Every structure is written in structure tokens, then in C-alpha cells.
PDB file of N, CA and C in Angstrom:
ATOM      1  N   UNK A   1      96.483  95.294 108.047  1.00  0.00           N
ATOM      2  CA  UNK A   1      95.585  94.664 107.081  1.00  0.00           C
ATOM      3  C   UNK A   1      95.969  94.990 105.671  1.00  0.00           C
ATOM      4  N   UNK A   2      95.854  93.932 104.959  1.00  0.00           N
ATOM      5  CA  UNK A   2      96.350  94.041 103.430  1.00  0.00           C
ATOM      6  C   UNK A   2      94.943  93.971 102.512  1.00  0.00           C
ATOM      7  N   UNK A   3      94.959  94.847 101.605  1.00  0.00           N
ATOM      8  CA  UNK A   3      93.844  94.937 100.831  1.00  0.00           C
ATOM      9  C   UNK A   3      94.069  94.533  99.363  1.00  0.00           C
ATOM     10  N   UNK A   4      94.823  93.460  99.215  1.00  0.00           N
ATOM     11  CA  UNK A   4      95.328  93.167  97.902  1.00  0.00           C
ATOM     12  C   UNK A   4      94.655  91.898  97.218  1.00  0.00           C
ATOM     13  N   UNK A   5      93.738  91.134  97.996  1.00  0.00           N
ATOM     14  CA  UNK A   5      93.196  90.081  97.162  1.00  0.00           C
ATOM     15  C   UNK A   5      91.819  90.541  96.710  1.00  0.00           C
ATOM     16  N   UNK A   6      91.385  89.750  95.662  1.00  0.00           N
ATOM     17  CA  UNK A   6      90.144  90.122  94.859  1.00  0.00           C
ATOM     18  C   UNK A   6      89.009  90.145  95.746  1.00  0.00           C
ATOM     19  N   UNK A   7      88.788  89.090  96.717  1.00  0.00           N
ATOM     20  CA  UNK A   7      87.622  88.978  97.520  1.00  0.00           C
ATOM     21  C   UNK A   7      87.515  90.233  98.442  1.00  0.00           C
ATOM     22  N   UNK A   8      88.630  90.687  99.004  1.00  0.00           N
ATOM     23  CA  UNK A   8      88.526  91.891  99.865  1.00  0.00           C
ATOM     24  C   UNK A   8      88.140  93.153  99.077  1.00  0.00           C
ATOM     25  N   UNK A   9      88.727  93.279  98.024  1.00  0.00           N
ATOM     26  CA  UNK A   9      88.440  94.387  97.193  1.00  0.00           C
ATOM     27  C   UNK A   9      86.849  94.448  96.660  1.00  0.00           C
ATOM     28  N   UNK A  10      86.455  93.264  96.379  1.00  0.00           N
ATOM     29  CA  UNK A  10      84.954  93.202  95.959  1.00  0.00           C
ATOM     30  C   UNK A  10      84.128  93.450  97.125  1.00  0.00           C
ATOM     31  N   UNK A  11      84.442  92.980  98.298  1.00  0.00           N
ATOM     32  CA  UNK A  11      83.732  93.291  99.606  1.00  0.00           C
ATOM     33  C   UNK A  11      83.734  94.667  99.915  1.00  0.00           C
ATOM     34  N   UNK A  12      84.931  95.419  99.729  1.00  0.00           N
ATOM     35  CA  UNK A  12      84.941  96.850 100.029  1.00  0.00           C
ATOM     36  C   UNK A  12      84.054  97.625  99.006  1.00  0.00           C
ATOM     37  N   UNK A  13      84.162  97.228  97.768  1.00  0.00           N
ATOM     38  CA  UNK A  13      83.315  97.790  96.728  1.00  0.00           C
ATOM     39  C   UNK A  13      81.815  97.650  97.000  1.00  0.00           C
ATOM     40  N   UNK A  14      81.379  96.544  97.488  1.00  0.00           N
ATOM     41  CA  UNK A  14      79.984  96.322  97.849  1.00  0.00           C
ATOM     42  C   UNK A  14      79.589  97.046  99.061  1.00  0.00           C
ATOM     43  N   UNK A  15      80.442  97.102 100.111  1.00  0.00           N
ATOM     44  CA  UNK A  15      80.211  98.041 101.283  1.00  0.00           C
ATOM     45  C   UNK A  15      80.191  99.481 100.883  1.00  0.00           C
ATOM     46  N   UNK A  16      80.991  99.937 100.010  1.00  0.00           N
ATOM     47  CA  UNK A  16      81.063 101.343  99.555  1.00  0.00           C
ATOM     48  C   UNK A  16      79.769 101.645  98.881  1.00  0.00           C
ATOM     49  N   UNK A  17      79.125 100.903  98.079  1.00  0.00           N
ATOM     50  CA  UNK A  17      77.869 101.065  97.439  1.00  0.00           C
ATOM     51  C   UNK A  17      76.666 101.116  98.423  1.00  0.00           C
ATOM     52  N   UNK A  18      76.867 100.385  99.487  1.00  0.00           N
ATOM     53  CA  UNK A  18      75.929 100.309 100.525  1.00  0.00           C
ATOM     54  C   UNK A  18      75.839 101.502 101.496  1.00  0.00           C
ATOM     55  N   UNK A  19      77.077 102.150 101.696  1.00  0.00           N
ATOM     56  CA  UNK A  19      77.209 103.207 102.596  1.00  0.00           C
ATOM     57  C   UNK A  19      76.156 104.382 102.376  1.00  0.00           C
ATOM     58  N   UNK A  20      75.928 104.660 101.053  1.00  0.00           N
ATOM     59  CA  UNK A  20      75.218 105.804 100.692  1.00  0.00           C
ATOM     60  C   UNK A  20      73.670 105.649 101.019  1.00  0.00           C
ATOM     61  N   UNK A  21      73.254 104.393 101.303  1.00  0.00           N
ATOM     62  CA  UNK A  21      71.848 104.176 101.570  1.00  0.00           C
ATOM     63  C   UNK A  21      71.556 104.148 103.105  1.00  0.00           C
ATOM     64  N   UNK A  22      72.491 104.361 103.881  1.00  0.00           N
ATOM     65  CA  UNK A  22      72.383 104.196 105.288  1.00  0.00           C
ATOM     66  C   UNK A  22      72.265 105.622 105.995  1.00  0.00           C
ATOM     67  N   UNK A  23      71.321 105.699 106.963  1.00  0.00           N
ATOM     68  CA  UNK A  23      71.218 106.974 107.723  1.00  0.00           C
ATOM     69  C   UNK A  23      72.110 106.863 108.834  1.00  0.00           C
ATOM     70  N   UNK A  24      73.113 107.746 109.008  1.00  0.00           N
ATOM     71  CA  UNK A  24      74.099 107.540 110.216  1.00  0.00           C
ATOM     72  C   UNK A  24      73.801 108.493 111.251  1.00  0.00           C
ATOM     73  N   UNK A  25      74.059 108.095 112.522  1.00  0.00           N
ATOM     74  CA  UNK A  25      73.763 108.956 113.664  1.00  0.00           C
ATOM     75  C   UNK A  25      74.740 110.022 113.636  1.00  0.00           C
ATOM     76  N   UNK A  26      76.075 109.751 113.591  1.00  0.00           N
ATOM     77  CA  UNK A  26      77.064 110.853 113.770  1.00  0.00           C
ATOM     78  C   UNK A  26      77.765 110.939 112.413  1.00  0.00           C
ATOM     79  N   UNK A  27      77.172 111.661 111.521  1.00  0.00           N
ATOM     80  CA  UNK A  27      77.878 111.854 110.224  1.00  0.00           C
ATOM     81  C   UNK A  27      78.485 113.218 110.018  1.00  0.00           C
ATOM     82  N   UNK A  28      78.515 114.015 111.140  1.00  0.00           N
ATOM     83  CA  UNK A  28      79.227 115.366 110.961  1.00  0.00           C
ATOM     84  C   UNK A  28      80.677 115.283 111.013  1.00  0.00           C
ATOM     85  N   UNK A  29      81.286 114.383 111.781  1.00  0.00           N
ATOM     86  CA  UNK A  29      82.700 114.316 111.816  1.00  0.00           C
ATOM     87  C   UNK A  29      83.182 112.973 111.115  1.00  0.00           C
ATOM     88  N   UNK A  30      84.238 113.139 110.255  1.00  0.00           N
ATOM     89  CA  UNK A  30      84.596 112.007 109.438  1.00  0.00           C
ATOM     90  C   UNK A  30      85.138 110.878 110.248  1.00  0.00           C
ATOM     91  N   UNK A  31      86.007 111.189 111.238  1.00  0.00           N
ATOM     92  CA  UNK A  31      86.482 110.046 112.068  1.00  0.00           C
ATOM     93  C   UNK A  31      85.511 109.208 112.826  1.00  0.00           C
ATOM     94  N   UNK A  32      84.499 110.095 113.423  1.00  0.00           N
ATOM     95  CA  UNK A  32      83.357 109.479 114.063  1.00  0.00           C
ATOM     96  C   UNK A  32      82.541 108.534 113.193  1.00  0.00           C
ATOM     97  N   UNK A  33      82.291 108.979 112.004  1.00  0.00           N
ATOM     98  CA  UNK A  33      81.467 108.289 111.018  1.00  0.00           C
ATOM     99  C   UNK A  33      82.127 106.948 110.602  1.00  0.00           C
ATOM    100  N   UNK A  34      83.422 106.976 110.334  1.00  0.00           N
ATOM    101  CA  UNK A  34      84.117 105.719 110.044  1.00  0.00           C
ATOM    102  C   UNK A  34      84.176 104.797 111.278  1.00  0.00           C
ATOM    103  N   UNK A  35      84.320 105.408 112.364  1.00  0.00           N
ATOM    104  CA  UNK A  35      84.359 104.623 113.630  1.00  0.00           C
ATOM    105  C   UNK A  35      83.014 103.900 113.854  1.00  0.00           C
ATOM    106  N   UNK A  36      81.931 104.660 113.607  1.00  0.00           N
ATOM    107  CA  UNK A  36      80.648 104.149 113.839  1.00  0.00           C
ATOM    108  C   UNK A  36      80.428 103.003 112.737  1.00  0.00           C
ATOM    109  N   UNK A  37      80.977 103.141 111.512  1.00  0.00           N
ATOM    110  CA  UNK A  37      80.692 102.161 110.452  1.00  0.00           C
ATOM    111  C   UNK A  37      81.472 100.890 110.806  1.00  0.00           C
ATOM    112  N   UNK A  38      82.488 101.063 111.622  1.00  0.00           N
ATOM    113  CA  UNK A  38      83.285  99.757 111.941  1.00  0.00           C
ATOM    114  C   UNK A  38      82.536  98.864 112.787  1.00  0.00           C
ATOM    115  N   UNK A  39      81.508  99.412 113.618  1.00  0.00           N
ATOM    116  CA  UNK A  39      80.737  98.647 114.517  1.00  0.00           C
ATOM    117  C   UNK A  39      79.613  97.971 113.910  1.00  0.00           C
ATOM    118  N   UNK A  40      78.757  98.750 113.201  1.00  0.00           N
ATOM    119  CA  UNK A  40      77.484  98.281 112.609  1.00  0.00           C
ATOM    120  C   UNK A  40      77.126  99.264 111.395  1.00  0.00           C
ATOM    121  N   UNK A  41      76.124  98.776 110.652  1.00  0.00           N
ATOM    122  CA  UNK A  41      75.432  99.594 109.768  1.00  0.00           C
ATOM    123  C   UNK A  41      73.935  99.552 110.282  1.00  0.00           C
ATOM    124  N   UNK A  42      73.035 100.226 109.548  1.00  0.00           N
ATOM    125  CA  UNK A  42      71.617 100.338 109.992  1.00  0.00           C
ATOM    126  C   UNK A  42      70.913  98.998 110.186  1.00  0.00           C
ATOM    127  N   UNK A  43      71.316  97.945 109.346  1.00  0.00           N
ATOM    128  CA  UNK A  43      70.729  96.648 109.348  1.00  0.00           C
ATOM    129  C   UNK A  43      71.251  95.736 110.472  1.00  0.00           C
ATOM    130  N   UNK A  44      72.345  96.274 111.166  1.00  0.00           N
ATOM    131  CA  UNK A  44      72.967  95.401 112.145  1.00  0.00           C
ATOM    132  C   UNK A  44      74.147  94.663 111.547  1.00  0.00           C
ATOM    133  N   UNK A  45      74.384  94.730 110.319  1.00  0.00           N
ATOM    134  CA  UNK A  45      75.483  94.218 109.550  1.00  0.00           C
ATOM    135  C   UNK A  45      76.765  95.095 109.639  1.00  0.00           C
ATOM    136  N   UNK A  46      77.879  94.727 109.970  1.00  0.00           N
ATOM    137  CA  UNK A  46      79.015  95.566 110.012  1.00  0.00           C
ATOM    138  C   UNK A  46      79.713  95.831 108.737  1.00  0.00           C
ATOM    139  N   UNK A  47      80.330  97.031 108.546  1.00  0.00           N
ATOM    140  CA  UNK A  47      81.024  97.335 107.327  1.00  0.00           C
ATOM    141  C   UNK A  47      82.528  97.492 107.699  1.00  0.00           C
ATOM    142  N   UNK A  48      83.109  96.353 108.264  1.00  0.00           N
ATOM    143  CA  UNK A  48      84.473  96.443 108.733  1.00  0.00           C
ATOM    144  C   UNK A  48      85.521  96.666 107.708  1.00  0.00           C
ATOM    145  N   UNK A  49      85.357  96.028 106.502  1.00  0.00           N
ATOM    146  CA  UNK A  49      86.394  96.192 105.616  1.00  0.00           C
ATOM    147  C   UNK A  49      86.603  97.708 105.074  1.00  0.00           C
ATOM    148  N   UNK A  50      85.423  98.350 104.675  1.00  0.00           N
ATOM    149  CA  UNK A  50      85.556  99.698 104.219  1.00  0.00           C
ATOM    150  C   UNK A  50      85.976 100.616 105.321  1.00  0.00           C
ATOM    151  N   UNK A  51      85.439 100.394 106.568  1.00  0.00           N
ATOM    152  CA  UNK A  51      85.840 101.137 107.608  1.00  0.00           C
ATOM    153  C   UNK A  51      87.390 101.068 107.901  1.00  0.00           C
ATOM    154  N   UNK A  52      87.924  99.837 107.927  1.00  0.00           N
ATOM    155  CA  UNK A  52      89.267  99.637 108.105  1.00  0.00           C
ATOM    156  C   UNK A  52      90.128 100.292 107.032  1.00  0.00           C
ATOM    157  N   UNK A  53      89.795 100.310 105.777  1.00  0.00           N
ATOM    158  CA  UNK A  53      90.408 100.951 104.720  1.00  0.00           C
ATOM    159  C   UNK A  53      90.373 102.550 105.003  1.00  0.00           C
ATOM    160  N   UNK A  54      89.198 102.991 105.237  1.00  0.00           N
ATOM    161  CA  UNK A  54      89.190 104.468 105.443  1.00  0.00           C
ATOM    162  C   UNK A  54      90.027 104.951 106.770  1.00  0.00           C
ATOM    163  N   UNK A  55      89.917 104.145 107.888  1.00  0.00           N
ATOM    164  CA  UNK A  55      90.574 104.510 109.005  1.00  0.00           C
ATOM    165  C   UNK A  55      92.156 104.548 108.766  1.00  0.00           C
ATOM    166  N   UNK A  56      92.523 103.406 107.986  1.00  0.00           N
ATOM    167  CA  UNK A  56      94.039 103.283 107.587  1.00  0.00           C
ATOM    168  C   UNK A  56      94.505 104.503 106.744  1.00  0.00           C
ATOM    169  N   UNK A  57      93.623 104.927 105.785  1.00  0.00           N
ATOM    170  CA  UNK A  57      93.943 106.083 104.905  1.00  0.00           C
ATOM    171  C   UNK A  57      93.964 107.336 105.688  1.00  0.00           C
ATOM    172  N   UNK A  58      92.988 107.391 106.765  1.00  0.00           N
ATOM    173  CA  UNK A  58      92.916 108.737 107.550  1.00  0.00           C
ATOM    174  C   UNK A  58      94.152 108.703 108.506  1.00  0.00           C
ATOM    175  N   UNK A  59      94.793 107.648 108.835  1.00  0.00           N
ATOM    176  CA  UNK A  59      95.900 107.594 109.753  1.00  0.00           C
ATOM    177  C   UNK A  59      97.178 107.874 109.147  1.00  0.00           C
ATOM    178  N   UNK A  60      97.267 107.879 107.769  1.00  0.00           N
ATOM    179  CA  UNK A  60      98.578 108.117 107.151  1.00  0.00           C
ATOM    180  C   UNK A  60      99.051 109.557 107.449  1.00  0.00           C
ATOM    181  N   UNK A  61     100.269 109.705 107.723  1.00  0.00           N
ATOM    182  CA  UNK A  61     100.759 111.013 108.041  1.00  0.00           C
ATOM    183  C   UNK A  61     100.782 111.829 106.771  1.00  0.00           C
ATOM    184  N   UNK A  62     100.376 113.029 106.883  1.00  0.00           N
ATOM    185  CA  UNK A  62     100.500 114.053 105.704  1.00  0.00           C
ATOM    186  C   UNK A  62     101.253 115.180 106.246  1.00  0.00           C
ATOM    187  N   UNK A  63     102.253 115.553 105.428  1.00  0.00           N
ATOM    188  CA  UNK A  63     103.142 116.717 105.911  1.00  0.00           C
ATOM    189  C   UNK A  63     103.372 117.750 104.892  1.00  0.00           C
ATOM    190  N   UNK A  64     103.530 118.890 105.149  1.00  0.00           N
ATOM    191  CA  UNK A  64     103.903 119.803 104.304  1.00  0.00           C
ATOM    192  C   UNK A  64     105.336 120.416 104.492  1.00  0.00           C
ATOM    193  N   UNK A  65     106.220 119.505 105.147  1.00  0.00           N
ATOM    194  CA  UNK A  65     107.545 119.910 105.448  1.00  0.00           C
ATOM    195  C   UNK A  65     108.282 120.370 104.245  1.00  0.00           C
ATOM    196  N   UNK A  66     108.122 119.692 103.085  1.00  0.00           N
ATOM    197  CA  UNK A  66     108.888 120.074 101.910  1.00  0.00           C
ATOM    198  C   UNK A  66     108.514 121.491 101.528  1.00  0.00           C
ATOM    199  N   UNK A  67     107.203 121.833 101.503  1.00  0.00           N
ATOM    200  CA  UNK A  67     106.795 123.217 101.115  1.00  0.00           C
ATOM    201  C   UNK A  67     107.357 124.204 102.075  1.00  0.00           C
ATOM    202  N   UNK A  68     107.246 123.955 103.406  1.00  0.00           N
ATOM    203  CA  UNK A  68     107.801 124.785 104.413  1.00  0.00           C
ATOM    204  C   UNK A  68     109.293 124.935 104.220  1.00  0.00           C
ATOM    205  N   UNK A  69     109.949 123.932 103.886  1.00  0.00           N
ATOM    206  CA  UNK A  69     111.420 124.095 103.583  1.00  0.00           C
ATOM    207  C   UNK A  69     111.741 124.974 102.445  1.00  0.00           C
ATOM    208  N   UNK A  70     111.037 124.895 101.374  1.00  0.00           N
ATOM    209  CA  UNK A  70     111.207 125.767 100.232  1.00  0.00           C
ATOM    210  C   UNK A  70     110.965 127.202 100.666  1.00  0.00           C
ATOM    211  N   UNK A  71     109.829 127.509 101.387  1.00  0.00           N
ATOM    212  CA  UNK A  71     109.620 128.909 101.786  1.00  0.00           C
ATOM    213  C   UNK A  71     110.702 129.359 102.679  1.00  0.00           C
ATOM    214  N   UNK A  72     111.172 128.580 103.663  1.00  0.00           N
ATOM    215  CA  UNK A  72     112.364 128.905 104.437  1.00  0.00           C
ATOM    216  C   UNK A  72     113.421 129.372 103.587  1.00  0.00           C
ATOM    217  N   UNK A  73     113.850 128.458 102.658  1.00  0.00           N
ATOM    218  CA  UNK A  73     114.948 128.725 101.779  1.00  0.00           C
ATOM    219  C   UNK A  73     114.706 129.988 101.034  1.00  0.00           C
ATOM    220  N   UNK A  74     113.522 130.275 100.555  1.00  0.00           N
ATOM    221  CA  UNK A  74     113.209 131.521  99.808  1.00  0.00           C
ATOM    222  C   UNK A  74     113.409 132.697 100.719  1.00  0.00           C
ATOM    223  N   UNK A  75     113.014 132.570 101.924  1.00  0.00           N
ATOM    224  CA  UNK A  75     113.101 133.665 102.872  1.00  0.00           C
ATOM    225  C   UNK A  75     114.630 133.945 103.195  1.00  0.00           C
ATOM    226  N   UNK A  76     115.454 133.007 103.115  1.00  0.00           N
ATOM    227  CA  UNK A  76     116.973 133.159 103.234  1.00  0.00           C
ATOM    228  C   UNK A  76     117.424 133.871 101.958  1.00  0.00           C
ATOM    229  N   UNK A  77     117.015 133.563 100.791  1.00  0.00           N
ATOM    230  CA  UNK A  77     117.500 134.197  99.564  1.00  0.00           C
ATOM    231  C   UNK A  77     116.924 135.612  99.470  1.00  0.00           C
ATOM    232  N   UNK A  78     115.674 135.825  99.769  1.00  0.00           N
ATOM    233  CA  UNK A  78     115.112 137.092  99.504  1.00  0.00           C
ATOM    234  C   UNK A  78     114.888 137.701 100.915  1.00  0.00           C
ATOM    235  N   UNK A  79     115.887 138.505 101.351  1.00  0.00           N
ATOM    236  CA  UNK A  79     115.835 139.210 102.616  1.00  0.00           C
ATOM    237  C   UNK A  79     115.349 140.637 102.267  1.00  0.00           C
ATOM    238  N   UNK A  80     115.091 141.421 103.318  1.00  0.00           N
ATOM    239  CA  UNK A  80     114.654 142.757 103.219  1.00  0.00           C
ATOM    240  C   UNK A  80     115.439 143.664 102.416  1.00  0.00           C
ATOM    241  N   UNK A  81     116.894 143.420 102.417  1.00  0.00           N
ATOM    242  CA  UNK A  81     117.748 144.133 101.654  1.00  0.00           C
ATOM    243  C   UNK A  81     117.701 143.799 100.165  1.00  0.00           C
ATOM    244  N   UNK A  82     117.220 142.666  99.853  1.00  0.00           N
ATOM    245  CA  UNK A  82     117.071 142.154  98.450  1.00  0.00           C
ATOM    246  C   UNK A  82     115.530 142.180  97.988  1.00  0.00           C
ATOM    247  N   UNK A  83     114.755 143.055  98.450  1.00  0.00           N
ATOM    248  CA  UNK A  83     113.381 142.926  98.176  1.00  0.00           C
ATOM    249  C   UNK A  83     112.932 143.244  96.757  1.00  0.00           C
ATOM    250  N   UNK A  84     113.834 143.745  95.945  1.00  0.00           N
ATOM    251  CA  UNK A  84     113.529 144.091  94.573  1.00  0.00           C
ATOM    252  C   UNK A  84     113.870 143.029  93.561  1.00  0.00           C
ATOM    253  N   UNK A  85     114.118 141.853  94.081  1.00  0.00           N
ATOM    254  CA  UNK A  85     114.431 140.640  93.190  1.00  0.00           C
ATOM    255  C   UNK A  85     113.244 140.326  92.447  1.00  0.00           C
ATOM    256  N   UNK A  86     113.370 140.228  91.093  1.00  0.00           N
ATOM    257  CA  UNK A  86     112.160 139.770  90.277  1.00  0.00           C
ATOM    258  C   UNK A  86     111.933 138.328  90.558  1.00  0.00           C
ATOM    259  N   UNK A  87     110.774 137.871  90.164  1.00  0.00           N
ATOM    260  CA  UNK A  87     110.374 136.415  90.316  1.00  0.00           C
ATOM    261  C   UNK A  87     111.299 135.597  89.505  1.00  0.00           C
ATOM    262  N   UNK A  88     111.713 136.028  88.277  1.00  0.00           N
ATOM    263  CA  UNK A  88     112.611 135.267  87.454  1.00  0.00           C
ATOM    264  C   UNK A  88     113.972 135.138  88.169  1.00  0.00           C
ATOM    265  N   UNK A  89     114.403 136.229  88.717  1.00  0.00           N
ATOM    266  CA  UNK A  89     115.832 136.042  89.391  1.00  0.00           C
ATOM    267  C   UNK A  89     115.705 135.165  90.623  1.00  0.00           C
ATOM    268  N   UNK A  90     114.599 135.290  91.335  1.00  0.00           N
ATOM    269  CA  UNK A  90     114.473 134.534  92.547  1.00  0.00           C
ATOM    270  C   UNK A  90     114.409 133.024  92.208  1.00  0.00           C
ATOM    271  N   UNK A  91     113.655 132.733  91.092  1.00  0.00           N
ATOM    272  CA  UNK A  91     113.589 131.351  90.580  1.00  0.00           C
ATOM    273  C   UNK A  91     114.924 130.851  90.201  1.00  0.00           C
ATOM    274  N   UNK A  92     115.674 131.665  89.513  1.00  0.00           N
ATOM    275  CA  UNK A  92     116.950 131.257  89.134  1.00  0.00           C
ATOM    276  C   UNK A  92     117.932 130.994  90.199  1.00  0.00           C
ATOM    277  N   UNK A  93     117.927 131.880  91.202  1.00  0.00           N
ATOM    278  CA  UNK A  93     118.795 131.654  92.446  1.00  0.00           C
ATOM    279  C   UNK A  93     118.376 130.364  93.189  1.00  0.00           C
ATOM    280  N   UNK A  94     117.110 130.145  93.318  1.00  0.00           N
ATOM    281  CA  UNK A  94     116.617 129.006  94.106  1.00  0.00           C
ATOM    282  C   UNK A  94     117.052 127.637  93.256  1.00  0.00           C
ATOM    283  N   UNK A  95     116.916 127.744  91.917  1.00  0.00           N
ATOM    284  CA  UNK A  95     117.288 126.624  91.109  1.00  0.00           C
ATOM    285  C   UNK A  95     118.820 126.233  91.108  1.00  0.00           C
ATOM    286  N   UNK A  96     119.575 127.410  91.268  1.00  0.00           N
ATOM    287  CA  UNK A  96     121.009 127.242  91.346  1.00  0.00           C
ATOM    288  C   UNK A  96     121.458 126.650  92.655  1.00  0.00           C
ATOM    289  N   UNK A  97     120.880 127.151  93.720  1.00  0.00           N
ATOM    290  CA  UNK A  97     121.193 126.741  95.104  1.00  0.00           C
ATOM    291  C   UNK A  97     120.654 125.425  95.467  1.00  0.00           C
ATOM    292  N   UNK A  98     119.441 125.173  95.108  1.00  0.00           N
ATOM    293  CA  UNK A  98     118.750 123.980  95.673  1.00  0.00           C
ATOM    294  C   UNK A  98     118.229 122.991  94.628  1.00  0.00           C
ATOM    295  N   UNK A  99     118.564 123.324  93.309  1.00  0.00           N
ATOM    296  CA  UNK A  99     118.052 122.297  92.296  1.00  0.00           C
ATOM    297  C   UNK A  99     116.773 122.698  91.656  1.00  0.00           C
ATOM    298  N   UNK A 100     116.541 122.163  90.517  1.00  0.00           N
ATOM    299  CA  UNK A 100     115.293 122.556  89.741  1.00  0.00           C
ATOM    300  C   UNK A 100     113.943 122.019  90.467  1.00  0.00           C
TER     301      UNK A 100
END
């Protein structure tokens, strides 16, 4: 689903303003809330555009692989025998080895 035309964005904006006035049955879990929204709202009208946008955003993969990789490299540089490295020295070694 593409959200790039003005009519769709306007409809999403209208539905977003409407969401706060509705009493939801299952509001404790984010995924269930957006799934419930995709079927209907309290008046029987569905909020498909905003729920599709939210479910699309929730399905995007998020990863901390870059951060984990940096920690792994740092553990390679600062081993138990080199435990007295200052933060400045550690930063310099990391910058030389792996870039700024």
C-alpha cells in the first residue's frame, strides 16, 4: 500500500483525529489495538487507512546489529590484559581500526 497521494494522507489524518474519541475493547496491546481498528471503530465505520499505516510501520524490521557489532569490536580491542586503556585511547584505536 502506498501512502503518497493527498486524499489518502487526508483520510489518515482524519482517522487519526477520530481514534482518540473511541473506546477500544483491547487497548492494552499495540498490535491487537491496530488489528481491531482495521475491522471497525465504535460507530461501525472502519479505520483501515490508519490501521494499515500503523501495521506497516510496526512490521518494519528494527535491528541493533550495528551497535552489537561495535561492542563486539570493542571487546576484541579491550581484552582483560588491556583493561587499563583509557576511554580516549580506546576511542582512538576504534577510530583507526574501524573508521570514525
